[in-house]
Amino acid sequence: MRVVKGSLTRVLEVIELLAAEAGWMRLSDVAQRLDLPNGPTHRLLSYLSEHGWVTQSPATGQYRLSLKLPLLGQQYLHNSGLHDPIQPILDDTSGRCRELVRLTVIQGDVLSWLASSQGAPPGLMYQPEMRGPVVLHVTANGKAWLATMSSEDAVELALKGGLGKPDGFAPSAVKTVEELLKELDATRKRGYGLAVEEAEVGVVALAVPVRYARTNEVVGTISIAGPAQRMTSQRLSEFHQLLTGAAERLGIVWPRHDAAS
């Protein structure tokens, strides 16, 4: 198959879909999810299989991602120097707060999950999946990032990410531009993004931006999340200070080529 302009988008959509499912999928299911006929879908999957990105089961004919993508990701993190100095900071922070700590990275106009560390003991932990881009208007990480930019830019990104559209978030989630602007103003005043049972019922999270130390550019965010009953106002204040210190350390060790340019 010769991949031409236009098909490249479809190739990436197949990879993203299989990465999100993380298991075997039938050709018909892939086609349905991508709103494509079976024929073009089969050609895309065959192309990806030929180049080692996708594996097809000899027994069932179903498809899933090969290990090529995760291995390339690990190789990138290792060669960039991003993972090695960062994970100890996350582990130290989660050990201190005894909750889930997550780190995001800015990629253009998208905020993506990068790494995490679980500090809660077994049986008490909150451990969500880290798939896809961060939904900006309902998450502490998203609000922390949006609050660092102008209101106009923040609204534009939030609308692009789904603000105002039907969703499956909790009833308390921000739904309008007016609510978002009010929330971002509160975020700037208190110094951290806060999501109280918005992305998920029963979960509270707070986050602060991570700034590259040499230029003060925002390169990501770091958050603490846990069950609402444990995230008291006193703990939120303590966690804010903990996150601020962690963000400063992350800004010092963040590789230069990953800072915004």
C-alpha atoms as a PDB file:
ATOM      1  CA  MET A   1       0.000   0.000   0.000  1.00  0.00           C
ATOM      2  CA  ARG A   2       1.256   3.454  -0.881  1.00  0.00           C
ATOM      3  CA  VAL A   3       0.349   5.902   1.872  1.00  0.00           C
ATOM      4  CA  VAL A   4      -0.395   9.362   0.479  1.00  0.00           C
ATOM      5  CA  LYS A   5      -1.448  12.652   1.996  1.00  0.00           C
ATOM      6  CA  GLY A   6      -4.883  12.150   3.543  1.00  0.00           C
ATOM      7  CA  SER A   7      -4.203   8.541   4.421  1.00  0.00           C
ATOM      8  CA  LEU A   8      -1.579   9.635   6.940  1.00  0.00           C
ATOM      9  CA  THR A   9      -4.295  10.980   9.219  1.00  0.00           C
ATOM     10  CA  ARG A  10      -6.124   7.661   9.012  1.00  0.00           C
ATOM     11  CA  VAL A  11      -2.935   5.742   9.813  1.00  0.00           C
ATOM     12  CA  LEU A  12      -2.477   7.800  12.971  1.00  0.00           C
ATOM     13  CA  GLU A  13      -6.139   7.317  13.904  1.00  0.00           C
ATOM     14  CA  VAL A  14      -5.715   3.541  13.674  1.00  0.00           C
ATOM     15  CA  ILE A  15      -2.636   3.661  15.904  1.00  0.00           C
ATOM     16  CA  GLU A  16      -4.365   5.882  18.463  1.00  0.00           C
ATOM     17  CA  LEU A  17      -7.453   3.646  18.521  1.00  0.00           C
ATOM     18  CA  LEU A  18      -5.466   0.456  19.033  1.00  0.00           C
ATOM     19  CA  ALA A  19      -3.365   2.160  21.697  1.00  0.00           C
ATOM     20  CA  ALA A  20      -6.503   3.236  23.563  1.00  0.00           C
ATOM     21  CA  GLU A  21      -8.034  -0.254  23.411  1.00  0.00           C
ATOM     22  CA  ALA A  22      -4.754  -2.031  24.260  1.00  0.00           C
ATOM     23  CA  GLY A  23      -6.146  -5.369  23.099  1.00  0.00           C
ATOM     24  CA  TRP A  24      -7.258  -7.379  20.095  1.00  0.00           C
ATOM     25  CA  MET A  25      -9.826  -5.777  17.786  1.00  0.00           C
ATOM     26  CA  ARG A  26     -11.750  -7.139  14.822  1.00  0.00           C
ATOM     27  CA  LEU A  27     -11.333  -5.377  11.491  1.00  0.00           C
ATOM     28  CA  SER A  28     -15.053  -4.559  11.457  1.00  0.00           C
ATOM     29  CA  ASP A  29     -14.811  -2.947  14.895  1.00  0.00           C
ATOM     30  CA  VAL A  30     -11.863  -0.802  13.824  1.00  0.00           C
ATOM     31  CA  ALA A  31     -13.745   0.234  10.695  1.00  0.00           C
ATOM     32  CA  GLN A  32     -16.867   1.102  12.668  1.00  0.00           C
ATOM     33  CA  ARG A  33     -14.988   3.144  15.263  1.00  0.00           C
ATOM     34  CA  LEU A  34     -13.183   5.101  12.533  1.00  0.00           C
ATOM     35  CA  ASP A  35     -16.296   5.401  10.352  1.00  0.00           C
ATOM     36  CA  LEU A  36     -14.545   3.742   7.411  1.00  0.00           C
ATOM     37  CA  PRO A  37     -15.505   0.936   5.008  1.00  0.00           C
ATOM     38  CA  ASN A  38     -13.890  -2.437   5.667  1.00  0.00           C
ATOM     39  CA  GLY A  39     -11.774  -2.299   2.501  1.00  0.00           C
ATOM     40  CA  PRO A  40      -9.797   0.871   3.268  1.00  0.00           C
ATOM     41  CA  THR A  41      -9.522  -0.189   6.910  1.00  0.00           C
ATOM     42  CA  HIS A  42      -8.005  -3.514   5.866  1.00  0.00           C
ATOM     43  CA  ARG A  43      -5.462  -1.715   3.674  1.00  0.00           C
ATOM     44  CA  LEU A  44      -4.462   0.559   6.564  1.00  0.00           C
ATOM     45  CA  LEU A  45      -4.053  -2.372   8.944  1.00  0.00           C
ATOM     46  CA  SER A  46      -2.098  -4.334   6.343  1.00  0.00           C
ATOM     47  CA  TYR A  47       0.254  -1.405   5.836  1.00  0.00           C
ATOM     48  CA  LEU A  48       0.832  -1.054   9.578  1.00  0.00           C
ATOM     49  CA  SER A  49       1.366  -4.804   9.920  1.00  0.00           C
ATOM     50  CA  GLU A  50       3.877  -4.769   7.084  1.00  0.00           C
ATOM     51  CA  HIS A  51       5.905  -2.081   8.853  1.00  0.00           C
ATOM     52  CA  GLY A  52       5.755  -3.683  12.294  1.00  0.00           C
ATOM     53  CA  TRP A  53       3.330  -1.341  14.043  1.00  0.00           C
ATOM     54  CA  VAL A  54       0.427  -3.798  14.214  1.00  0.00           C
ATOM     55  CA  THR A  55       0.212  -7.527  14.911  1.00  0.00           C
ATOM     56  CA  GLN A  56      -2.482  -9.798  13.452  1.00  0.00           C
ATOM     57  CA  SER A  57      -3.532 -12.970  15.251  1.00  0.00           C
ATOM     58  CA  PRO A  58      -3.126 -16.055  13.026  1.00  0.00           C
ATOM     59  CA  ALA A  59      -5.948 -17.760  14.933  1.00  0.00           C
ATOM     60  CA  THR A  60      -8.621 -15.049  14.918  1.00  0.00           C
ATOM     61  CA  GLY A  61      -7.432 -12.518  12.335  1.00  0.00           C
ATOM     62  CA  GLN A  62      -7.855  -9.738  14.891  1.00  0.00           C
ATOM     63  CA  TYR A  63      -5.415  -6.841  15.276  1.00  0.00           C
ATOM     64  CA  ARG A  64      -3.577  -5.071  18.059  1.00  0.00           C
ATOM     65  CA  LEU A  65      -0.540  -2.816  18.380  1.00  0.00           C
ATOM     66  CA  SER A  66       2.860  -4.442  18.425  1.00  0.00           C
ATOM     67  CA  LEU A  67       5.441  -3.436  21.022  1.00  0.00           C
ATOM     68  CA  LYS A  68       7.122  -1.101  18.529  1.00  0.00           C
ATOM     69  CA  LEU A  69       5.304   2.020  19.740  1.00  0.00           C
ATOM     70  CA  PRO A  70       5.858   1.564  23.511  1.00  0.00           C
ATOM     71  CA  LEU A  71       9.477   0.571  22.909  1.00  0.00           C
ATOM     72  CA  LEU A  72      10.046   3.706  20.853  1.00  0.00           C
ATOM     73  CA  GLY A  73       8.442   5.723  23.636  1.00  0.00           C
ATOM     74  CA  GLN A  74      10.743   4.219  26.217  1.00  0.00           C
ATOM     75  CA  GLN A  75      13.715   4.827  23.934  1.00  0.00           C
ATOM     76  CA  TYR A  76      12.718   8.454  23.495  1.00  0.00           C
ATOM     77  CA  LEU A  77      12.337   9.028  27.235  1.00  0.00           C
ATOM     78  CA  HIS A  78      15.701   7.414  27.890  1.00  0.00           C
ATOM     79  CA  ASN A  79      17.569   9.320  25.176  1.00  0.00           C
ATOM     80  CA  SER A  80      15.925  12.633  26.043  1.00  0.00           C
ATOM     81  CA  GLY A  81      16.911  12.315  29.683  1.00  0.00           C
ATOM     82  CA  LEU A  82      13.347  13.189  30.629  1.00  0.00           C
ATOM     83  CA  HIS A  83      12.370  10.111  32.607  1.00  0.00           C
ATOM     84  CA  ASP A  84      15.448   9.459  34.747  1.00  0.00           C
ATOM     85  CA  PRO A  85      15.565  12.675  36.814  1.00  0.00           C
ATOM     86  CA  ILE A  86      11.801  13.139  36.921  1.00  0.00           C
ATOM     87  CA  GLN A  87      10.489   9.859  38.345  1.00  0.00           C
ATOM     88  CA  PRO A  88      12.363  10.175  41.666  1.00  0.00           C
ATOM     89  CA  ILE A  89      10.719  13.576  42.193  1.00  0.00           C
ATOM     90  CA  LEU A  90       7.272  12.089  41.549  1.00  0.00           C
ATOM     91  CA  ASP A  91       8.003   9.150  43.843  1.00  0.00           C
ATOM     92  CA  ASP A  92       9.184  11.455  46.623  1.00  0.00           C
ATOM     93  CA  THR A  93       6.087  13.623  46.266  1.00  0.00           C
ATOM     94  CA  SER A  94       3.665  10.683  46.282  1.00  0.00           C
ATOM     95  CA  GLY A  95       5.452   9.218  49.296  1.00  0.00           C
ATOM     96  CA  ARG A  96       4.932  12.453  51.185  1.00  0.00           C
ATOM     97  CA  CYS A  97       1.258  12.976  50.301  1.00  0.00           C
ATOM     98  CA  ARG A  98       0.278   9.280  50.223  1.00  0.00           C
ATOM     99  CA  GLU A  99      -1.901   9.913  47.180  1.00  0.00           C
ATOM    100  CA  LEU A 100      -1.645   9.671  43.398  1.00  0.00           C
ATOM    101  CA  VAL A 101       0.776  12.124  41.756  1.00  0.00           C
ATOM    102  CA  ARG A 102       0.631  12.682  37.995  1.00  0.00           C
ATOM    103  CA  LEU A 103       2.727  14.680  35.577  1.00  0.00           C
ATOM    104  CA  THR A 104       1.654  16.116  32.228  1.00  0.00           C
ATOM    105  CA  VAL A 105       3.601  17.600  29.343  1.00  0.00           C
ATOM    106  CA  ILE A 106       2.533  20.289  26.877  1.00  0.00           C
ATOM    107  CA  GLN A 107       2.655  19.220  23.230  1.00  0.00           C
ATOM    108  CA  GLY A 108       1.567  22.122  21.074  1.00  0.00           C
ATOM    109  CA  ASP A 109      -1.971  22.952  22.153  1.00  0.00           C
ATOM    110  CA  VAL A 110      -2.507  19.587  23.873  1.00  0.00           C
ATOM    111  CA  LEU A 111      -1.799  18.563  27.457  1.00  0.00           C
ATOM    112  CA  SER A 112      -0.785  14.885  27.641  1.00  0.00           C
ATOM    113  CA  TRP A 113      -0.212  12.474  30.522  1.00  0.00           C
ATOM    114  CA  LEU A 114       3.487  11.678  30.934  1.00  0.00           C
ATOM    115  CA  ALA A 115       4.198   9.865  34.203  1.00  0.00           C
ATOM    116  CA  SER A 116       2.736   9.044  37.596  1.00  0.00           C
ATOM    117  CA  SER A 117       3.524   7.709  41.041  1.00  0.00           C
ATOM    118  CA  GLN A 118       1.120   6.056  43.464  1.00  0.00           C
ATOM    119  CA  GLY A 119       1.603   6.817  47.135  1.00  0.00           C
ATOM    120  CA  ALA A 120      -1.642   5.443  48.569  1.00  0.00           C
ATOM    121  CA  PRO A 121      -1.527   2.043  50.285  1.00  0.00           C
ATOM    122  CA  PRO A 122      -3.284  -0.946  48.659  1.00  0.00           C
ATOM    123  CA  GLY A 123      -7.031  -0.865  49.158  1.00  0.00           C
ATOM    124  CA  LEU A 124      -7.105   2.913  49.486  1.00  0.00           C
ATOM    125  CA  MET A 125      -5.631   3.952  46.163  1.00  0.00           C
ATOM    126  CA  TYR A 126      -7.202   5.904  43.327  1.00  0.00           C
ATOM    127  CA  GLN A 127      -5.614   4.774  40.056  1.00  0.00           C
ATOM    128  CA  PRO A 128      -7.301   6.030  36.862  1.00  0.00           C
ATOM    129  CA  GLU A 129      -6.158   5.221  33.348  1.00  0.00           C
ATOM    130  CA  MET A 130      -3.844   7.753  31.709  1.00  0.00           C
ATOM    131  CA  ARG A 131      -5.163   7.651  28.151  1.00  0.00           C
ATOM    132  CA  GLY A 132      -5.439  10.344  25.545  1.00  0.00           C
ATOM    133  CA  PRO A 133      -5.111  14.084  26.039  1.00  0.00           C
ATOM    134  CA  VAL A 134      -6.100  15.748  29.309  1.00  0.00           C
ATOM    135  CA  VAL A 135      -9.581  17.310  29.170  1.00  0.00           C
ATOM    136  CA  LEU A 136      -8.725  20.873  30.099  1.00  0.00           C
ATOM    137  CA  HIS A 137     -11.951  22.329  31.493  1.00  0.00           C
ATOM    138  CA  VAL A 138     -12.770  19.559  34.003  1.00  0.00           C
ATOM    139  CA  THR A 139      -9.346  18.628  35.385  1.00  0.00           C
ATOM    140  CA  ALA A 140      -7.033  20.294  37.873  1.00  0.00           C
ATOM    141  CA  ASN A 141      -4.122  19.860  35.468  1.00  0.00           C
ATOM    142  CA  GLY A 142      -6.067  21.462  32.642  1.00  0.00           C
ATOM    143  CA  LYS A 143      -7.184  24.418  34.746  1.00  0.00           C
ATOM    144  CA  ALA A 144      -3.661  24.950  36.083  1.00  0.00           C
ATOM    145  CA  TRP A 145      -2.391  25.227  32.508  1.00  0.00           C
ATOM    146  CA  LEU A 146      -5.256  27.347  31.196  1.00  0.00           C
ATOM    147  CA  ALA A 147      -4.778  29.807  34.066  1.00  0.00           C
ATOM    148  CA  THR A 148      -1.238  30.576  32.861  1.00  0.00           C
ATOM    149  CA  MET A 149      -2.465  32.003  29.548  1.00  0.00           C
ATOM    150  CA  SER A 150      -4.785  34.802  28.472  1.00  0.00           C
ATOM    151  CA  SER A 151      -8.505  34.270  28.930  1.00  0.00           C
ATOM    152  CA  GLU A 152      -8.990  34.363  25.155  1.00  0.00           C
ATOM    153  CA  ASP A 153      -6.432  31.610  24.529  1.00  0.00           C
ATOM    154  CA  ALA A 154      -7.768  29.549  27.444  1.00  0.00           C
ATOM    155  CA  VAL A 155     -11.332  29.686  26.149  1.00  0.00           C
ATOM    156  CA  GLU A 156     -10.211  28.782  22.623  1.00  0.00           C
ATOM    157  CA  LEU A 157      -8.362  25.662  23.821  1.00  0.00           C
ATOM    158  CA  ALA A 158     -11.180  24.644  26.169  1.00  0.00           C
ATOM    159  CA  LEU A 159     -13.770  24.925  23.416  1.00  0.00           C
ATOM    160  CA  LYS A 160     -11.557  22.892  21.112  1.00  0.00           C
ATOM    161  CA  GLY A 161     -11.299  20.262  23.851  1.00  0.00           C
ATOM    162  CA  GLY A 162     -15.049  19.902  24.315  1.00  0.00           C
ATOM    163  CA  LEU A 163     -16.269  22.699  26.574  1.00  0.00           C
ATOM    164  CA  GLY A 164     -19.990  23.200  26.056  1.00  0.00           C
ATOM    165  CA  LYS A 165     -20.536  19.863  24.319  1.00  0.00           C
ATOM    166  CA  PRO A 166     -22.466  16.878  25.732  1.00  0.00           C
ATOM    167  CA  ASP A 167     -20.151  14.794  27.874  1.00  0.00           C
ATOM    168  CA  GLY A 168     -20.035  12.100  30.513  1.00  0.00           C
ATOM    169  CA  PHE A 169     -18.545  14.190  33.283  1.00  0.00           C
ATOM    170  CA  ALA A 170     -19.970  14.785  36.751  1.00  0.00           C
ATOM    171  CA  PRO A 171     -22.834  17.277  37.254  1.00  0.00           C
ATOM    172  CA  SER A 172     -20.491  19.749  38.952  1.00  0.00           C
ATOM    173  CA  ALA A 173     -18.197  19.993  35.901  1.00  0.00           C
ATOM    174  CA  VAL A 174     -17.666  23.342  34.173  1.00  0.00           C
ATOM    175  CA  LYS A 175     -20.071  23.585  31.236  1.00  0.00           C
ATOM    176  CA  THR A 176     -19.994  27.164  29.942  1.00  0.00           C
ATOM    177  CA  VAL A 177     -17.447  29.816  29.005  1.00  0.00           C
ATOM    178  CA  GLU A 178     -18.685  32.011  31.861  1.00  0.00           C
ATOM    179  CA  GLU A 179     -18.144  29.222  34.391  1.00  0.00           C
ATOM    180  CA  LEU A 180     -14.687  28.538  32.991  1.00  0.00           C
ATOM    181  CA  LEU A 181     -13.592  32.181  33.221  1.00  0.00           C
ATOM    182  CA  LYS A 182     -14.801  32.355  36.818  1.00  0.00           C
ATOM    183  CA  GLU A 183     -12.929  29.137  37.647  1.00  0.00           C
ATOM    184  CA  LEU A 184      -9.708  30.345  36.016  1.00  0.00           C
ATOM    185  CA  ASP A 185      -9.871  33.597  37.972  1.00  0.00           C
ATOM    186  CA  ALA A 186     -10.200  31.571  41.190  1.00  0.00           C
ATOM    187  CA  THR A 187      -7.308  29.352  40.072  1.00  0.00           C
ATOM    188  CA  ARG A 188      -5.002  32.345  39.588  1.00  0.00           C
ATOM    189  CA  LYS A 189      -5.933  33.763  43.002  1.00  0.00           C
ATOM    190  CA  ARG A 190      -5.370  30.589  45.014  1.00  0.00           C
ATOM    191  CA  GLY A 191      -2.328  29.478  42.987  1.00  0.00           C
ATOM    192  CA  TYR A 192      -3.473  26.031  41.910  1.00  0.00           C
ATOM    193  CA  GLY A 193      -6.050  24.332  39.705  1.00  0.00           C
ATOM    194  CA  LEU A 194      -8.782  22.481  41.549  1.00  0.00           C
ATOM    195  CA  ALA A 195     -11.261  19.881  40.310  1.00  0.00           C
ATOM    196  CA  VAL A 196     -13.835  18.811  42.885  1.00  0.00           C
ATOM    197  CA  GLU A 197     -15.725  15.770  41.580  1.00  0.00           C
ATOM    198  CA  GLU A 198     -15.752  17.091  38.009  1.00  0.00           C
ATOM    199  CA  ALA A 199     -13.915  14.606  35.789  1.00  0.00           C
ATOM    200  CA  GLU A 200     -15.023  11.819  38.145  1.00  0.00           C
ATOM    201  CA  VAL A 201     -17.559  11.647  40.974  1.00  0.00           C
ATOM    202  CA  GLY A 202     -15.880  11.168  44.354  1.00  0.00           C
ATOM    203  CA  VAL A 203     -12.447  12.399  43.251  1.00  0.00           C
ATOM    204  CA  VAL A 204     -10.709  15.680  44.082  1.00  0.00           C
ATOM    205  CA  ALA A 205      -7.476  16.863  42.481  1.00  0.00           C
ATOM    206  CA  LEU A 206      -5.249  19.921  42.599  1.00  0.00           C
ATOM    207  CA  ALA A 207      -2.430  20.883  40.245  1.00  0.00           C
ATOM    208  CA  VAL A 208       0.205  23.527  39.599  1.00  0.00           C
ATOM    209  CA  PRO A 209       2.120  24.393  36.433  1.00  0.00           C
ATOM    210  CA  VAL A 210       5.701  23.245  35.880  1.00  0.00           C
ATOM    211  CA  ARG A 211       7.939  25.994  34.491  1.00  0.00           C
ATOM    212  CA  TYR A 212      11.319  25.478  32.861  1.00  0.00           C
ATOM    213  CA  ALA A 213      13.706  27.128  35.317  1.00  0.00           C
ATOM    214  CA  ARG A 214      15.903  28.941  32.773  1.00  0.00           C
ATOM    215  CA  THR A 215      13.091  30.649  30.857  1.00  0.00           C
ATOM    216  CA  ASN A 216      10.008  30.393  33.094  1.00  0.00           C
ATOM    217  CA  GLU A 217       8.142  28.759  30.189  1.00  0.00           C
ATOM    218  CA  VAL A 218       5.292  26.435  31.178  1.00  0.00           C
ATOM    219  CA  VAL A 219       6.193  22.900  30.064  1.00  0.00           C
ATOM    220  CA  GLY A 220       3.621  20.823  31.938  1.00  0.00           C
ATOM    221  CA  THR A 221       1.683  20.413  35.172  1.00  0.00           C
ATOM    222  CA  ILE A 222       1.884  18.220  38.259  1.00  0.00           C
ATOM    223  CA  SER A 223      -1.105  17.123  40.333  1.00  0.00           C
ATOM    224  CA  ILE A 224      -2.224  15.216  43.402  1.00  0.00           C
ATOM    225  CA  ALA A 225      -5.547  13.353  43.284  1.00  0.00           C
ATOM    226  CA  GLY A 226      -7.490  11.200  45.705  1.00  0.00           C
ATOM    227  CA  PRO A 227     -10.918  10.303  47.092  1.00  0.00           C
ATOM    228  CA  ALA A 228     -12.946  13.325  48.158  1.00  0.00           C
ATOM    229  CA  GLN A 229     -13.229  12.178  51.783  1.00  0.00           C
ATOM    230  CA  ARG A 230      -9.440  12.310  52.151  1.00  0.00           C
ATOM    231  CA  MET A 231      -8.894  15.600  50.297  1.00  0.00           C
ATOM    232  CA  THR A 232      -9.795  17.988  53.112  1.00  0.00           C
ATOM    233  CA  SER A 233      -9.180  21.752  52.972  1.00  0.00           C
ATOM    234  CA  GLN A 234      -6.210  21.380  55.322  1.00  0.00           C
ATOM    235  CA  ARG A 235      -4.650  18.701  53.130  1.00  0.00           C
ATOM    236  CA  LEU A 236      -5.240  20.791  50.006  1.00  0.00           C
ATOM    237  CA  SER A 237      -3.207  23.600  51.550  1.00  0.00           C
ATOM    238  CA  GLU A 238      -0.422  21.186  52.484  1.00  0.00           C
ATOM    239  CA  PHE A 239      -0.491  19.558  49.067  1.00  0.00           C
ATOM    240  CA  HIS A 240      -0.283  22.949  47.348  1.00  0.00           C
ATOM    241  CA  GLN A 241       3.011  23.620  49.093  1.00  0.00           C
ATOM    242  CA  LEU A 242       4.217  20.109  48.299  1.00  0.00           C
ATOM    243  CA  LEU A 243       3.355  20.488  44.605  1.00  0.00           C
ATOM    244  CA  THR A 244       4.992  23.905  44.415  1.00  0.00           C
ATOM    245  CA  GLY A 245       8.263  22.460  45.671  1.00  0.00           C
ATOM    246  CA  ALA A 246       8.044  19.491  43.307  1.00  0.00           C
ATOM    247  CA  ALA A 247       7.290  21.777  40.345  1.00  0.00           C
ATOM    248  CA  GLU A 248      10.354  23.874  41.120  1.00  0.00           C
ATOM    249  CA  ARG A 249      12.565  20.792  41.185  1.00  0.00           C
ATOM    250  CA  LEU A 250      11.048  19.494  37.958  1.00  0.00           C
ATOM    251  CA  GLY A 251      11.688  22.839  36.284  1.00  0.00           C
ATOM    252  CA  ILE A 252      15.375  22.567  37.150  1.00  0.00           C
ATOM    253  CA  VAL A 253      15.892  19.054  35.729  1.00  0.00           C
ATOM    254  CA  TRP A 254      13.575  19.409  32.702  1.00  0.00           C
ATOM    255  CA  PRO A 255      15.558  18.844  29.480  1.00  0.00           C
ATOM    256  CA  ARG A 256      15.993  22.004  27.406  1.00  0.00           C
ATOM    257  CA  HIS A 257      14.670  20.636  24.127  1.00  0.00           C
ATOM    258  CA  ASP A 258      11.358  19.720  25.775  1.00  0.00           C
ATOM    259  CA  ALA A 259      10.746  23.297  26.896  1.00  0.00           C
ATOM    260  CA  ALA A 260       8.492  25.398  24.717  1.00  0.00           C
ATOM    261  CA  SER A 261      10.357  27.324  22.090  1.00  0.00           C
END
